[in-house]
Amino acid sequence: MQHNPNSAAIAAFDICESLLLALVDHKVLTTSQVITVLTDAFEVHSNVPDTADEKPLHRETADRIRRLIQARNVAQ
């Protein structure tokens, strides 16, 4: 079995998403607050300079976060 370095990033992303959902379920955060957190992360990855070595990775990350935001907005 080959080790894919992206697997750790995918696992971390999924764990964070699950934690945010649990925080909403337990009424620690509101859905609106989670969307704010996700929007902040989206903006960080969207505003990486074009000269950044990992610009495609940041673009892909921003797109995944955007899809999460859209899913949460629909769920409200």
Protein backbone atom coordinates (compact mmCIF):
# COMPACT_ATOMS: atom_id res chain seq x y z
CA MET A 1 0.00 0.00 0.00
CA GLN A 2 1.47 3.33 -1.06
CA HIS A 3 1.40 6.28 1.32
CA ASN A 4 -0.32 9.33 -0.15
CA PRO A 5 0.80 12.56 1.57
CA ASN A 6 -2.59 14.11 0.78
CA SER A 7 -4.36 11.55 2.96
CA ALA A 8 -3.31 13.39 6.14
CA ALA A 9 -4.68 16.67 4.80
CA ILE A 10 -7.95 15.06 3.75
CA ALA A 11 -8.30 13.38 7.14
CA ALA A 12 -7.60 16.66 8.97
CA PHE A 13 -10.14 18.50 6.83
CA ASP A 14 -12.81 15.86 7.45
CA ILE A 15 -12.11 15.78 11.19
CA CYS A 16 -12.40 19.58 11.41
CA GLU A 17 -15.67 19.49 9.49
CA SER A 18 -17.02 16.86 11.88
CA LEU A 19 -15.90 18.88 14.90
CA LEU A 20 -17.65 22.00 13.59
CA LEU A 21 -20.84 20.00 13.05
CA ALA A 22 -20.60 18.55 16.56
CA LEU A 23 -20.14 22.04 18.02
CA VAL A 24 -23.35 23.12 16.27
CA ASP A 25 -25.19 19.96 17.38
CA HIS A 26 -24.18 20.62 21.00
CA LYS A 27 -25.13 24.30 20.67
CA VAL A 28 -21.61 25.54 21.37
CA LEU A 29 -21.60 27.41 18.04
CA THR A 30 -24.40 28.48 15.73
CA THR A 31 -24.45 27.57 12.06
CA SER A 32 -23.83 31.24 11.33
CA GLN A 33 -20.68 31.20 13.46
CA VAL A 34 -19.43 28.09 11.66
CA ILE A 35 -20.02 29.77 8.32
CA THR A 36 -17.98 32.74 9.57
CA VAL A 37 -15.10 30.42 10.51
CA LEU A 38 -15.28 28.69 7.13
CA THR A 39 -15.47 32.02 5.30
CA ASP A 40 -12.33 33.23 7.09
CA ALA A 41 -10.47 30.07 6.05
CA PHE A 42 -11.81 30.39 2.49
CA GLU A 43 -10.52 33.97 2.24
CA VAL A 44 -7.07 33.00 3.48
CA HIS A 45 -6.73 30.33 0.81
CA SER A 46 -8.33 32.47 -1.90
CA ASN A 47 -5.96 35.40 -1.32
CA VAL A 48 -2.66 33.57 -1.70
CA PRO A 49 -0.37 35.51 -4.04
CA ASP A 50 -0.05 34.19 -7.58
CA THR A 51 3.67 33.72 -6.92
CA ALA A 52 3.04 31.19 -4.14
CA ASP A 53 4.60 27.80 -4.85
CA GLU A 54 1.47 25.95 -3.80
CA LYS A 55 -1.13 28.22 -5.43
CA PRO A 56 -3.01 25.28 -7.04
CA LEU A 57 -3.27 23.56 -3.66
CA HIS A 58 -4.65 26.73 -2.06
CA ARG A 59 -7.12 27.15 -4.94
CA GLU A 60 -8.32 23.56 -4.49
CA THR A 61 -8.59 24.05 -0.71
CA ALA A 62 -10.59 27.25 -1.15
CA ASP A 63 -12.94 25.43 -3.52
CA ARG A 64 -13.53 22.64 -1.00
CA ILE A 65 -14.23 25.18 1.75
CA ARG A 66 -16.60 27.06 -0.57
CA ARG A 67 -18.57 23.85 -1.12
CA LEU A 68 -18.85 23.39 2.65
CA ILE A 69 -20.11 26.95 3.06
CA GLN A 70 -22.70 26.40 0.36
CA ALA A 71 -23.85 23.16 1.99
CA ARG A 72 -24.19 24.88 5.40
CA ASN A 73 -26.13 27.80 3.89
CA VAL A 74 -28.60 25.36 2.35
CA ALA A 75 -28.96 23.49 5.66
CA GLN A 76 -29.95 26.61 7.60
